[in-house]
């Protein structure tokens, strides 16, 4: 069993996500923030690289305006920030698009990226998908991420449905999905987390559908 060379990527844990239409609803922010803090502490104890990402929509934008308090990192993250962290700002959904994160990860000899933060239905999904092309294995901590309620002309879904569905989607192909407790134990043991694959997920899905 090969020991993963991990980095923890803290995605957009900004004040923008704690009020207004972009407020995270599932898991509850108090729960996900506590787990994010645990993941950061575990990363610090293990001595793995950490990067904190903030999203900017540009000066004067209605959301993620870097000149407003809503742009700031939540205190749960800000108060843990260390000089060794890589800090970067992104303008696209993926943490890799338009940034030097991939190059930095390679310079740290990282082969496995662990994602925590927001939103499941946007930046976590986009980052996990792009990592496949870039050659990084991805882990997503399910209870240290979160989703919003969504509705548009294609349909609607509650945050819980969005989050749980996308965790299953990610675990079927793009990421190993685990809880904070499972991930921290694997990190301490120097072991990989486990996931599924598209074939196994398809077979299990067909079997479950047949029982309904």
N, C-alpha and C. Protein backbone atom coordinates (compact mmCIF):
# COMPACT_ATOMS: atom_id res chain seq x y z
N UNK A 1 0.85 -1.19 0.00
CA UNK A 1 0.00 0.00 0.00
C UNK A 1 0.89 1.24 0.00
N UNK A 2 0.72 2.10 -0.99
CA UNK A 2 1.52 3.31 -1.11
C UNK A 2 0.95 4.41 -0.24
N UNK A 3 1.81 5.09 0.50
CA UNK A 3 1.36 6.21 1.34
C UNK A 3 1.07 7.42 0.46
N UNK A 4 -0.12 7.99 0.53
CA UNK A 4 -0.43 9.18 -0.28
C UNK A 4 0.44 10.36 0.15
N UNK A 5 0.84 11.16 -0.80
CA UNK A 5 1.53 12.41 -0.51
C UNK A 5 0.49 13.52 -0.61
N UNK A 6 -0.12 13.82 0.52
CA UNK A 6 -1.31 14.66 0.54
C UNK A 6 -1.01 16.15 0.69
N UNK A 7 -2.00 16.95 0.24
CA UNK A 7 -2.11 18.36 0.61
C UNK A 7 -3.58 18.63 0.92
N UNK A 8 -3.82 19.49 1.89
CA UNK A 8 -5.18 19.90 2.23
C UNK A 8 -5.47 21.23 1.54
N UNK A 9 -6.56 21.26 0.77
CA UNK A 9 -6.96 22.48 0.07
C UNK A 9 -8.26 22.99 0.70
N UNK A 10 -8.18 24.18 1.27
CA UNK A 10 -9.31 24.82 1.95
C UNK A 10 -9.98 25.73 0.94
N UNK A 11 -11.19 25.36 0.52
CA UNK A 11 -11.82 26.01 -0.62
C UNK A 11 -12.90 27.01 -0.19
N UNK A 12 -12.62 28.29 -0.38
CA UNK A 12 -13.64 29.35 -0.30
C UNK A 12 -14.43 29.35 1.01
N UNK A 13 -13.77 29.17 2.12
CA UNK A 13 -14.50 29.22 3.40
C UNK A 13 -14.56 30.68 3.82
N UNK A 14 -15.40 31.41 3.09
CA UNK A 14 -15.50 32.86 3.21
C UNK A 14 -16.83 33.26 3.83
N UNK A 15 -16.86 34.46 4.38
CA UNK A 15 -18.05 34.94 5.08
C UNK A 15 -19.27 35.02 4.15
N UNK A 16 -19.04 35.08 2.85
CA UNK A 16 -20.13 35.14 1.88
C UNK A 16 -21.10 33.97 2.03
N UNK A 17 -20.60 32.85 2.53
CA UNK A 17 -21.41 31.63 2.59
C UNK A 17 -22.20 31.46 3.89
N UNK A 18 -22.24 32.49 4.72
CA UNK A 18 -22.89 32.32 6.01
C UNK A 18 -24.10 33.23 6.22
N UNK A 19 -24.54 33.89 5.16
CA UNK A 19 -25.78 34.66 5.18
C UNK A 19 -26.19 34.95 3.75
N UNK A 20 -27.45 35.29 3.55
CA UNK A 20 -27.93 35.63 2.22
C UNK A 20 -28.22 34.41 1.36
N UNK A 21 -28.42 34.60 0.06
CA UNK A 21 -28.82 33.50 -0.82
C UNK A 21 -27.77 32.41 -0.98
N UNK A 22 -26.51 32.71 -0.72
CA UNK A 22 -25.46 31.70 -0.85
C UNK A 22 -25.17 30.98 0.48
N UNK A 23 -25.99 31.20 1.48
CA UNK A 23 -25.75 30.56 2.77
C UNK A 23 -25.79 29.04 2.65
N UNK A 24 -24.79 28.39 3.20
CA UNK A 24 -24.71 26.93 3.18
C UNK A 24 -25.81 26.36 4.08
N UNK A 25 -26.52 25.35 3.57
CA UNK A 25 -27.64 24.78 4.33
C UNK A 25 -27.46 23.31 4.70
N UNK A 26 -26.60 22.59 3.99
CA UNK A 26 -26.39 21.18 4.35
C UNK A 26 -24.99 20.74 3.95
N UNK A 27 -24.26 20.10 4.88
CA UNK A 27 -24.55 20.01 6.31
C UNK A 27 -24.63 21.40 6.95
N UNK A 28 -25.18 21.48 8.16
CA UNK A 28 -25.29 22.75 8.84
C UNK A 28 -23.90 23.38 8.97
N UNK A 29 -23.79 24.70 8.74
CA UNK A 29 -22.48 25.34 8.79
C UNK A 29 -21.72 25.10 10.08
N UNK A 30 -22.43 25.07 11.22
CA UNK A 30 -21.73 24.83 12.49
C UNK A 30 -21.05 23.47 12.48
N UNK A 31 -21.70 22.48 11.85
CA UNK A 31 -21.13 21.14 11.77
C UNK A 31 -19.95 21.10 10.81
N UNK A 32 -20.13 21.64 9.62
CA UNK A 32 -19.04 21.59 8.65
C UNK A 32 -17.84 22.41 9.10
N UNK A 33 -18.07 23.56 9.74
CA UNK A 33 -16.96 24.37 10.22
C UNK A 33 -16.14 23.66 11.29
N UNK A 34 -16.84 22.98 12.19
CA UNK A 34 -16.12 22.22 13.22
C UNK A 34 -15.25 21.14 12.60
N UNK A 35 -15.78 20.47 11.59
CA UNK A 35 -15.01 19.42 10.91
C UNK A 35 -13.87 19.98 10.08
N UNK A 36 -14.10 21.14 9.48
CA UNK A 36 -13.01 21.81 8.75
C UNK A 36 -11.87 22.13 9.70
N UNK A 37 -12.23 22.64 10.88
CA UNK A 37 -11.20 22.93 11.87
C UNK A 37 -10.43 21.69 12.27
N UNK A 38 -11.12 20.57 12.44
CA UNK A 38 -10.45 19.32 12.78
C UNK A 38 -9.51 18.88 11.67
N UNK A 39 -9.95 19.04 10.42
CA UNK A 39 -9.10 18.65 9.28
C UNK A 39 -7.85 19.51 9.22
N UNK A 40 -8.00 20.81 9.46
CA UNK A 40 -6.84 21.70 9.45
C UNK A 40 -5.86 21.32 10.56
N UNK A 41 -6.40 21.06 11.73
CA UNK A 41 -5.55 20.68 12.86
C UNK A 41 -4.81 19.37 12.59
N UNK A 42 -5.51 18.42 11.97
CA UNK A 42 -4.88 17.14 11.63
C UNK A 42 -3.79 17.33 10.59
N UNK A 43 -4.04 18.21 9.61
CA UNK A 43 -3.02 18.48 8.59
C UNK A 43 -1.78 19.11 9.22
N UNK A 44 -2.00 20.04 10.17
CA UNK A 44 -0.88 20.68 10.85
C UNK A 44 -0.08 19.65 11.64
N UNK A 45 -0.78 18.75 12.33
CA UNK A 45 -0.10 17.73 13.13
C UNK A 45 0.71 16.78 12.25
N UNK A 46 0.18 16.50 11.05
CA UNK A 46 0.86 15.58 10.14
C UNK A 46 1.95 16.26 9.32
N UNK A 47 1.95 17.58 9.31
CA UNK A 47 2.96 18.32 8.56
C UNK A 47 2.77 18.30 7.06
N UNK A 48 1.52 18.14 6.60
CA UNK A 48 1.29 18.13 5.15
C UNK A 48 1.05 19.55 4.65
N UNK A 49 1.29 19.82 3.36
CA UNK A 49 1.06 21.16 2.82
C UNK A 49 -0.42 21.55 2.89
N UNK A 50 -0.65 22.84 3.09
CA UNK A 50 -2.01 23.38 3.15
C UNK A 50 -2.08 24.61 2.25
N UNK A 51 -3.17 24.70 1.49
CA UNK A 51 -3.44 25.89 0.68
C UNK A 51 -4.84 26.38 1.02
N UNK A 52 -5.00 27.69 1.15
CA UNK A 52 -6.31 28.31 1.39
C UNK A 52 -6.67 29.17 0.19
N UNK A 53 -7.84 28.91 -0.36
CA UNK A 53 -8.29 29.56 -1.57
C UNK A 53 -9.47 30.48 -1.25
N UNK A 54 -9.47 31.67 -1.86
CA UNK A 54 -10.62 32.58 -1.77
C UNK A 54 -11.09 32.93 -3.17
N UNK A 55 -12.41 32.97 -3.32
CA UNK A 55 -12.97 33.30 -4.63
C UNK A 55 -13.23 34.80 -4.73
N UNK A 56 -12.87 35.37 -5.86
CA UNK A 56 -13.14 36.78 -6.14
C UNK A 56 -13.94 36.90 -7.44
N UNK A 57 -15.01 37.68 -7.37
CA UNK A 57 -15.78 38.00 -8.58
C UNK A 57 -15.42 39.39 -9.10
N UNK A 58 -14.46 40.03 -8.46
CA UNK A 58 -13.99 41.33 -8.91
C UNK A 58 -14.57 42.48 -8.09
N UNK A 59 -13.86 43.59 -8.11
CA UNK A 59 -14.30 44.78 -7.39
C UNK A 59 -15.68 45.23 -7.87
N UNK A 60 -16.56 45.49 -6.91
CA UNK A 60 -17.90 45.98 -7.24
C UNK A 60 -18.90 44.90 -7.57
N UNK A 61 -18.48 43.63 -7.57
CA UNK A 61 -19.41 42.53 -7.87
C UNK A 61 -20.41 42.38 -6.73
N UNK A 62 -21.62 41.87 -7.04
CA UNK A 62 -22.63 41.72 -5.99
C UNK A 62 -22.28 40.68 -4.94
N UNK A 63 -21.44 39.72 -5.28
CA UNK A 63 -20.95 38.73 -4.33
C UNK A 63 -19.45 38.54 -4.55
N UNK A 64 -18.76 38.10 -3.51
CA UNK A 64 -17.32 37.84 -3.58
C UNK A 64 -16.52 39.05 -4.06
N UNK A 65 -16.94 40.21 -3.61
CA UNK A 65 -16.21 41.45 -3.87
C UNK A 65 -15.03 41.50 -2.89
N UNK A 66 -13.80 41.51 -3.39
CA UNK A 66 -12.65 41.48 -2.49
C UNK A 66 -12.53 42.70 -1.59
N UNK A 67 -13.30 43.74 -1.86
CA UNK A 67 -13.27 44.94 -1.03
C UNK A 67 -14.28 44.93 0.09
N UNK A 68 -14.99 43.81 0.28
CA UNK A 68 -16.04 43.74 1.29
C UNK A 68 -15.70 42.71 2.36
N UNK A 69 -16.33 42.83 3.55
CA UNK A 69 -16.10 41.84 4.61
C UNK A 69 -16.49 40.42 4.21
N UNK A 70 -17.45 40.29 3.28
CA UNK A 70 -17.92 38.96 2.88
C UNK A 70 -16.82 38.15 2.20
N UNK A 71 -15.78 38.81 1.69
CA UNK A 71 -14.69 38.13 1.01
C UNK A 71 -13.77 37.40 2.00
N UNK A 72 -13.77 37.84 3.25
CA UNK A 72 -12.80 37.35 4.23
C UNK A 72 -13.00 35.88 4.56
N UNK A 73 -11.90 35.23 4.94
CA UNK A 73 -11.99 33.86 5.44
C UNK A 73 -12.75 33.85 6.76
N UNK A 74 -13.52 32.78 6.98
CA UNK A 74 -14.21 32.63 8.25
C UNK A 74 -13.17 32.52 9.37
N UNK A 75 -13.47 33.06 10.56
CA UNK A 75 -12.50 32.98 11.66
C UNK A 75 -12.03 31.56 11.99
N UNK A 76 -12.86 30.56 11.74
CA UNK A 76 -12.47 29.17 12.00
C UNK A 76 -11.22 28.81 11.19
N UNK A 77 -11.09 29.43 10.02
CA UNK A 77 -9.90 29.23 9.18
C UNK A 77 -8.85 30.30 9.46
N UNK A 78 -9.27 31.54 9.47
CA UNK A 78 -8.34 32.66 9.65
C UNK A 78 -7.50 32.51 10.91
N UNK A 79 -8.12 32.06 11.98
CA UNK A 79 -7.41 31.93 13.25
C UNK A 79 -6.41 30.77 13.27
N UNK A 80 -6.49 29.90 12.29
CA UNK A 80 -5.55 28.78 12.19
C UNK A 80 -4.47 29.00 11.13
N UNK A 81 -4.56 30.09 10.42
CA UNK A 81 -3.65 30.32 9.29
C UNK A 81 -2.19 30.33 9.75
N UNK A 82 -1.35 29.67 8.97
CA UNK A 82 0.08 29.57 9.29
C UNK A 82 0.90 30.17 8.16
N UNK A 83 2.13 30.58 8.49
CA UNK A 83 3.01 31.19 7.49
C UNK A 83 3.32 30.22 6.36
N UNK A 84 3.27 28.92 6.64
CA UNK A 84 3.62 27.92 5.63
C UNK A 84 2.52 27.72 4.59
N UNK A 85 1.32 28.21 4.86
CA UNK A 85 0.22 27.99 3.93
C UNK A 85 0.45 28.73 2.62
N UNK A 86 -0.05 28.14 1.56
CA UNK A 86 -0.13 28.86 0.29
C UNK A 86 -1.50 29.54 0.24
N UNK A 87 -1.51 30.83 -0.01
CA UNK A 87 -2.75 31.59 -0.10
C UNK A 87 -2.94 32.02 -1.55
N UNK A 88 -4.13 31.81 -2.07
CA UNK A 88 -4.38 32.22 -3.46
C UNK A 88 -5.82 32.63 -3.66
N UNK A 89 -6.01 33.43 -4.68
CA UNK A 89 -7.33 33.90 -5.09
C UNK A 89 -7.66 33.32 -6.44
N UNK A 90 -8.88 32.85 -6.60
CA UNK A 90 -9.31 32.30 -7.88
C UNK A 90 -10.50 33.09 -8.42
N UNK A 91 -10.73 32.92 -9.73
CA UNK A 91 -11.83 33.62 -10.39
C UNK A 91 -12.76 32.65 -11.12
N UNK A 92 -12.44 31.38 -11.07
CA UNK A 92 -13.26 30.34 -11.69
C UNK A 92 -13.66 29.33 -10.62
N UNK A 93 -14.54 28.41 -10.99
CA UNK A 93 -15.03 27.44 -10.02
C UNK A 93 -13.91 26.52 -9.53
N UNK A 94 -13.11 26.01 -10.43
CA UNK A 94 -12.03 25.09 -10.05
C UNK A 94 -10.89 25.83 -9.38
N UNK A 95 -10.32 25.23 -8.36
CA UNK A 95 -9.17 25.83 -7.68
C UNK A 95 -7.94 25.85 -8.58
N UNK A 96 -7.94 25.07 -9.63
CA UNK A 96 -6.79 24.99 -10.52
C UNK A 96 -6.84 25.99 -11.67
N UNK A 97 -8.03 26.38 -12.08
CA UNK A 97 -8.20 27.22 -13.27
C UNK A 97 -7.68 28.64 -13.02
N UNK A 98 -6.71 29.05 -13.81
CA UNK A 98 -6.18 30.40 -13.70
C UNK A 98 -5.32 30.64 -12.48
N UNK A 99 -4.90 29.57 -11.79
CA UNK A 99 -4.01 29.72 -10.62
C UNK A 99 -2.76 28.88 -10.83
N UNK A 100 -1.82 29.05 -9.91
CA UNK A 100 -0.59 28.24 -9.97
C UNK A 100 -0.63 27.09 -8.96
N UNK A 101 -1.84 26.71 -8.54
CA UNK A 101 -1.94 25.68 -7.51
C UNK A 101 -1.34 24.35 -7.96
N UNK A 102 -1.63 23.93 -9.19
CA UNK A 102 -1.10 22.64 -9.66
C UNK A 102 0.43 22.64 -9.64
N UNK A 103 1.03 23.73 -10.07
CA UNK A 103 2.49 23.81 -10.08
C UNK A 103 3.04 23.76 -8.65
N UNK A 104 2.37 24.46 -7.74
CA UNK A 104 2.81 24.44 -6.34
C UNK A 104 2.69 23.04 -5.74
N UNK A 105 1.59 22.36 -6.03
CA UNK A 105 1.42 21.00 -5.52
C UNK A 105 2.52 20.09 -6.03
N UNK A 106 2.85 20.20 -7.30
CA UNK A 106 3.92 19.37 -7.86
C UNK A 106 5.26 19.70 -7.21
N UNK A 107 5.48 20.98 -6.91
CA UNK A 107 6.74 21.36 -6.25
C UNK A 107 6.83 20.80 -4.84
N UNK A 108 5.68 20.48 -4.24
CA UNK A 108 5.63 19.88 -2.91
C UNK A 108 5.58 18.35 -2.98
N UNK A 109 5.69 17.81 -4.20
CA UNK A 109 5.66 16.37 -4.42
C UNK A 109 4.33 15.74 -3.99
N UNK A 110 3.25 16.50 -4.15
CA UNK A 110 1.91 16.04 -3.76
C UNK A 110 1.31 15.21 -4.89
N UNK A 111 0.68 14.10 -4.53
CA UNK A 111 -0.07 13.32 -5.53
C UNK A 111 -1.54 13.17 -5.18
N UNK A 112 -1.92 13.57 -3.95
CA UNK A 112 -3.30 13.41 -3.49
C UNK A 112 -3.76 14.71 -2.84
N UNK A 113 -4.86 15.24 -3.34
CA UNK A 113 -5.41 16.50 -2.85
C UNK A 113 -6.68 16.22 -2.06
N UNK A 114 -6.78 16.78 -0.86
CA UNK A 114 -7.97 16.65 -0.04
C UNK A 114 -8.70 17.98 -0.04
N UNK A 115 -9.97 17.96 -0.43
CA UNK A 115 -10.78 19.17 -0.53
C UNK A 115 -11.74 19.29 0.63
N UNK A 116 -11.75 20.47 1.27
CA UNK A 116 -12.78 20.84 2.23
C UNK A 116 -13.27 22.23 1.85
N UNK A 117 -14.52 22.55 2.20
CA UNK A 117 -15.02 23.89 1.94
C UNK A 117 -16.27 23.91 1.10
N UNK A 118 -16.45 25.00 0.39
CA UNK A 118 -17.75 25.28 -0.25
C UNK A 118 -17.57 25.71 -1.71
N UNK A 119 -18.56 25.53 -2.55
CA UNK A 119 -19.75 24.74 -2.33
C UNK A 119 -19.57 23.38 -2.96
N UNK A 120 -20.23 22.39 -2.40
CA UNK A 120 -20.23 21.06 -3.01
C UNK A 120 -20.63 21.12 -4.47
N UNK A 121 -21.69 21.89 -4.73
CA UNK A 121 -22.32 21.91 -6.06
C UNK A 121 -21.63 22.86 -7.03
N UNK A 122 -20.49 23.40 -6.68
CA UNK A 122 -19.81 24.29 -7.61
C UNK A 122 -18.29 24.05 -7.56
N UNK A 123 -17.62 24.65 -6.60
CA UNK A 123 -16.16 24.61 -6.61
C UNK A 123 -15.57 23.26 -6.22
N UNK A 124 -16.23 22.53 -5.32
CA UNK A 124 -15.73 21.20 -4.97
C UNK A 124 -15.88 20.27 -6.18
N UNK A 125 -17.05 20.28 -6.79
CA UNK A 125 -17.31 19.45 -7.96
C UNK A 125 -16.34 19.79 -9.10
N UNK A 126 -16.19 21.07 -9.42
CA UNK A 126 -15.33 21.48 -10.53
C UNK A 126 -13.87 21.13 -10.26
N UNK A 127 -13.42 21.31 -9.03
CA UNK A 127 -12.02 21.04 -8.70
C UNK A 127 -11.71 19.55 -8.77
N UNK A 128 -12.63 18.73 -8.27
CA UNK A 128 -12.42 17.27 -8.32
C UNK A 128 -12.38 16.78 -9.76
N UNK A 129 -13.24 17.32 -10.60
CA UNK A 129 -13.27 16.89 -12.00
C UNK A 129 -12.00 17.30 -12.74
N UNK A 130 -11.51 18.53 -12.51
CA UNK A 130 -10.31 18.97 -13.22
C UNK A 130 -9.07 18.23 -12.75
N UNK A 131 -9.06 17.82 -11.49
CA UNK A 131 -7.88 17.12 -10.96
C UNK A 131 -7.59 15.84 -11.71
N UNK A 132 -8.63 15.18 -12.24
CA UNK A 132 -8.42 13.95 -13.01
C UNK A 132 -7.50 14.21 -14.19
N UNK A 133 -7.75 15.28 -14.92
CA UNK A 133 -6.92 15.64 -16.07
C UNK A 133 -5.51 16.03 -15.64
N UNK A 134 -5.40 16.69 -14.49
CA UNK A 134 -4.09 17.17 -14.02
C UNK A 134 -3.25 16.07 -13.38
N UNK A 135 -3.87 14.93 -13.08
CA UNK A 135 -3.11 13.80 -12.55
C UNK A 135 -3.05 13.71 -11.04
N UNK A 136 -3.92 14.45 -10.35
CA UNK A 136 -3.97 14.36 -8.89
C UNK A 136 -5.13 13.47 -8.46
N UNK A 137 -4.87 12.58 -7.52
CA UNK A 137 -5.96 11.87 -6.87
C UNK A 137 -6.66 12.86 -5.94
N UNK A 138 -7.97 12.70 -5.79
CA UNK A 138 -8.74 13.64 -4.98
C UNK A 138 -9.49 12.93 -3.87
N UNK A 139 -9.46 13.53 -2.69
CA UNK A 139 -10.29 13.11 -1.58
C UNK A 139 -11.22 14.27 -1.24
N UNK A 140 -12.46 13.97 -0.93
CA UNK A 140 -13.43 14.98 -0.49
C UNK A 140 -13.96 14.56 0.86
N UNK A 141 -13.93 15.47 1.82
CA UNK A 141 -14.46 15.17 3.15
C UNK A 141 -15.91 15.62 3.19
N UNK A 142 -16.81 14.66 3.25
CA UNK A 142 -18.23 14.93 3.05
C UNK A 142 -18.83 15.83 4.12
N UNK A 143 -18.40 15.69 5.37
CA UNK A 143 -18.98 16.51 6.43
C UNK A 143 -18.16 17.78 6.71
N UNK A 144 -17.19 18.05 5.84
CA UNK A 144 -16.43 19.30 5.91
C UNK A 144 -16.59 20.10 4.61
N UNK A 145 -17.67 19.82 3.91
CA UNK A 145 -18.07 20.56 2.71
C UNK A 145 -19.55 20.90 2.88
N UNK A 146 -20.15 21.60 1.93
CA UNK A 146 -21.56 21.94 2.09
C UNK A 146 -22.17 22.49 0.83
N UNK A 147 -23.50 22.40 0.76
CA UNK A 147 -24.25 22.81 -0.43
C UNK A 147 -25.35 23.80 -0.07
N UNK A 148 -25.91 24.41 -1.11
CA UNK A 148 -27.02 25.35 -0.96
C UNK A 148 -28.28 24.77 -1.63
N UNK A 149 -29.42 25.35 -1.30
CA UNK A 149 -30.65 25.04 -2.03
C UNK A 149 -30.56 25.67 -3.41
N UNK A 150 -30.99 24.95 -4.43
CA UNK A 150 -30.93 25.52 -5.78
C UNK A 150 -32.28 25.36 -6.49
N UNK A 151 -32.59 26.31 -7.35
CA UNK A 151 -33.78 26.24 -8.20
C UNK A 151 -33.52 27.09 -9.44
N UNK A 152 -33.86 26.54 -10.60
CA UNK A 152 -33.74 27.29 -11.85
C UNK A 152 -34.69 26.68 -12.87
N UNK A 153 -34.59 27.09 -14.12
CA UNK A 153 -35.57 26.62 -15.10
C UNK A 153 -35.38 25.17 -15.52
N UNK A 154 -34.34 24.52 -14.97
CA UNK A 154 -34.15 23.09 -15.21
C UNK A 154 -34.68 22.24 -14.07
N UNK A 155 -35.00 22.86 -12.94
CA UNK A 155 -35.51 22.10 -11.80
C UNK A 155 -35.08 22.71 -10.48
N UNK A 156 -35.31 21.98 -9.41
CA UNK A 156 -34.97 22.46 -8.07
C UNK A 156 -34.56 21.29 -7.19
N UNK A 157 -33.73 21.58 -6.19
CA UNK A 157 -33.31 20.55 -5.25
C UNK A 157 -32.91 21.20 -3.94
N UNK A 158 -33.28 20.56 -2.84
CA UNK A 158 -32.88 21.03 -1.53
C UNK A 158 -31.39 20.73 -1.31
N UNK A 159 -30.78 21.50 -0.43
CA UNK A 159 -29.33 21.37 -0.20
C UNK A 159 -28.94 19.96 0.21
N UNK A 160 -29.74 19.30 1.02
CA UNK A 160 -29.40 17.94 1.45
C UNK A 160 -29.36 16.99 0.26
N UNK A 161 -30.34 17.11 -0.63
CA UNK A 161 -30.37 16.27 -1.82
C UNK A 161 -29.18 16.57 -2.73
N UNK A 162 -28.90 17.86 -2.91
CA UNK A 162 -27.77 18.27 -3.74
C UNK A 162 -26.47 17.67 -3.20
N UNK A 163 -26.25 17.85 -1.90
CA UNK A 163 -25.00 17.40 -1.30
C UNK A 163 -24.85 15.88 -1.34
N UNK A 164 -25.86 15.18 -0.90
CA UNK A 164 -25.76 13.72 -0.84
C UNK A 164 -25.63 13.12 -2.24
N UNK A 165 -26.35 13.68 -3.19
CA UNK A 165 -26.26 13.17 -4.57
C UNK A 165 -24.87 13.39 -5.14
N UNK A 166 -24.34 14.59 -4.94
CA UNK A 166 -23.02 14.88 -5.51
C UNK A 166 -21.91 14.12 -4.80
N UNK A 167 -22.07 13.82 -3.51
CA UNK A 167 -21.07 12.98 -2.85
C UNK A 167 -21.04 11.59 -3.50
N UNK A 168 -22.22 11.05 -3.81
CA UNK A 168 -22.28 9.74 -4.48
C UNK A 168 -21.69 9.82 -5.88
N UNK A 169 -21.98 10.92 -6.59
CA UNK A 169 -21.43 11.12 -7.94
C UNK A 169 -19.90 11.20 -7.88
N UNK A 170 -19.38 12.02 -6.98
CA UNK A 170 -17.93 12.16 -6.86
C UNK A 170 -17.27 10.83 -6.50
N UNK A 171 -17.87 10.11 -5.57
CA UNK A 171 -17.28 8.85 -5.11
C UNK A 171 -17.34 7.76 -6.18
N UNK A 172 -18.18 7.96 -7.19
CA UNK A 172 -18.28 6.96 -8.26
C UNK A 172 -17.17 7.09 -9.29
N UNK A 173 -16.44 8.22 -9.26
CA UNK A 173 -15.44 8.40 -10.31
C UNK A 173 -14.30 9.34 -9.94
N UNK A 174 -14.62 10.55 -9.47
CA UNK A 174 -13.61 11.59 -9.38
C UNK A 174 -12.91 11.71 -8.04
N UNK A 175 -13.43 11.08 -7.01
CA UNK A 175 -12.84 11.29 -5.68
C UNK A 175 -13.13 10.12 -4.75
N UNK A 176 -12.32 10.01 -3.73
CA UNK A 176 -12.65 9.16 -2.59
C UNK A 176 -13.34 10.04 -1.56
N UNK A 177 -14.57 9.73 -1.24
CA UNK A 177 -15.36 10.53 -0.31
C UNK A 177 -15.35 9.84 1.05
N UNK A 178 -15.04 10.61 2.10
CA UNK A 178 -15.02 10.05 3.45
C UNK A 178 -15.45 11.12 4.44
N UNK A 179 -15.64 10.72 5.69
CA UNK A 179 -15.93 11.67 6.76
C UNK A 179 -14.62 12.22 7.33
N UNK A 180 -14.76 13.25 8.14
CA UNK A 180 -13.58 13.82 8.79
C UNK A 180 -12.87 12.79 9.65
N UNK A 181 -13.64 12.03 10.41
CA UNK A 181 -13.05 11.03 11.29
C UNK A 181 -12.27 9.98 10.51
N UNK A 182 -12.86 9.51 9.40
CA UNK A 182 -12.18 8.51 8.59
C UNK A 182 -10.92 9.08 7.95
N UNK A 183 -11.02 10.32 7.46
CA UNK A 183 -9.86 10.94 6.80
C UNK A 183 -8.73 11.19 7.77
N UNK A 184 -9.03 11.72 8.95
CA UNK A 184 -7.97 12.01 9.91
C UNK A 184 -7.28 10.73 10.37
N UNK A 185 -8.03 9.65 10.50
CA UNK A 185 -7.43 8.36 10.87
C UNK A 185 -6.51 7.86 9.77
N UNK A 186 -6.96 7.98 8.51
CA UNK A 186 -6.13 7.56 7.38
C UNK A 186 -4.87 8.41 7.28
N UNK A 187 -5.01 9.72 7.51
CA UNK A 187 -3.86 10.62 7.47
C UNK A 187 -2.84 10.22 8.53
N UNK A 188 -3.30 9.99 9.74
CA UNK A 188 -2.39 9.63 10.83
C UNK A 188 -1.69 8.30 10.56
N UNK A 189 -2.39 7.39 9.89
CA UNK A 189 -1.83 6.07 9.60
C UNK A 189 -1.01 6.05 8.32
N UNK A 190 -1.03 7.15 7.56
CA UNK A 190 -0.33 7.19 6.29
C UNK A 190 -0.95 6.30 5.24
N UNK A 191 -2.26 6.14 5.31
CA UNK A 191 -2.98 5.25 4.40
C UNK A 191 -3.92 6.04 3.49
N UNK A 192 -4.25 5.50 2.32
CA UNK A 192 -5.25 6.14 1.46
C UNK A 192 -6.65 5.92 2.00
N UNK A 193 -7.55 6.81 1.67
CA UNK A 193 -8.96 6.54 1.91
C UNK A 193 -9.48 5.66 0.78
N UNK A 194 -10.66 5.12 0.95
CA UNK A 194 -11.22 4.23 -0.06
C UNK A 194 -12.45 4.88 -0.71
N UNK A 195 -12.68 4.52 -1.94
CA UNK A 195 -13.83 5.02 -2.67
C UNK A 195 -14.42 3.91 -3.52
N UNK A 196 -15.29 4.29 -4.41
CA UNK A 196 -15.88 3.33 -5.33
C UNK A 196 -15.35 3.61 -6.73
N UNK A 197 -16.03 3.11 -7.73
CA UNK A 197 -15.71 3.38 -9.12
C UNK A 197 -17.00 3.35 -9.91
N UNK A 198 -16.94 3.78 -11.15
CA UNK A 198 -18.17 3.92 -11.94
C UNK A 198 -18.85 2.58 -12.18
N UNK A 199 -18.05 1.55 -12.48
CA UNK A 199 -18.64 0.24 -12.73
C UNK A 199 -19.34 -0.33 -11.52
N UNK A 200 -18.65 -0.31 -10.37
CA UNK A 200 -19.25 -0.83 -9.15
C UNK A 200 -20.47 -0.03 -8.74
N UNK A 201 -20.40 1.28 -8.90
CA UNK A 201 -21.54 2.12 -8.56
C UNK A 201 -22.73 1.83 -9.46
N UNK A 202 -22.46 1.59 -10.73
CA UNK A 202 -23.53 1.28 -11.68
C UNK A 202 -24.21 -0.05 -11.33
N UNK A 203 -23.40 -1.05 -11.01
CA UNK A 203 -23.95 -2.36 -10.67
C UNK A 203 -24.80 -2.27 -9.39
N UNK A 204 -24.25 -1.60 -8.37
CA UNK A 204 -25.00 -1.43 -7.12
C UNK A 204 -26.26 -0.62 -7.33
N UNK A 205 -26.19 0.39 -8.18
CA UNK A 205 -27.37 1.20 -8.47
C UNK A 205 -28.44 0.41 -9.19
N UNK A 206 -28.03 -0.45 -10.13
CA UNK A 206 -29.00 -1.29 -10.85
C UNK A 206 -29.66 -2.28 -9.90
N UNK A 207 -28.87 -2.85 -9.01
CA UNK A 207 -29.42 -3.82 -8.05
C UNK A 207 -30.39 -3.15 -7.10
N UNK A 208 -30.06 -1.95 -6.67
CA UNK A 208 -30.97 -1.23 -5.76
C UNK A 208 -32.26 -0.86 -6.47
N UNK A 209 -32.16 -0.41 -7.72
CA UNK A 209 -33.36 -0.05 -8.48
C UNK A 209 -34.28 -1.25 -8.69
N UNK A 210 -33.68 -2.42 -8.86
CA UNK A 210 -34.48 -3.62 -9.09
C UNK A 210 -35.27 -4.03 -7.86
N UNK A 211 -34.78 -3.62 -6.69
CA UNK A 211 -35.48 -3.98 -5.44
C UNK A 211 -36.63 -3.03 -5.13
N UNK A 212 -36.67 -1.90 -5.80
CA UNK A 212 -37.72 -0.91 -5.52
C UNK A 212 -39.05 -1.29 -6.17
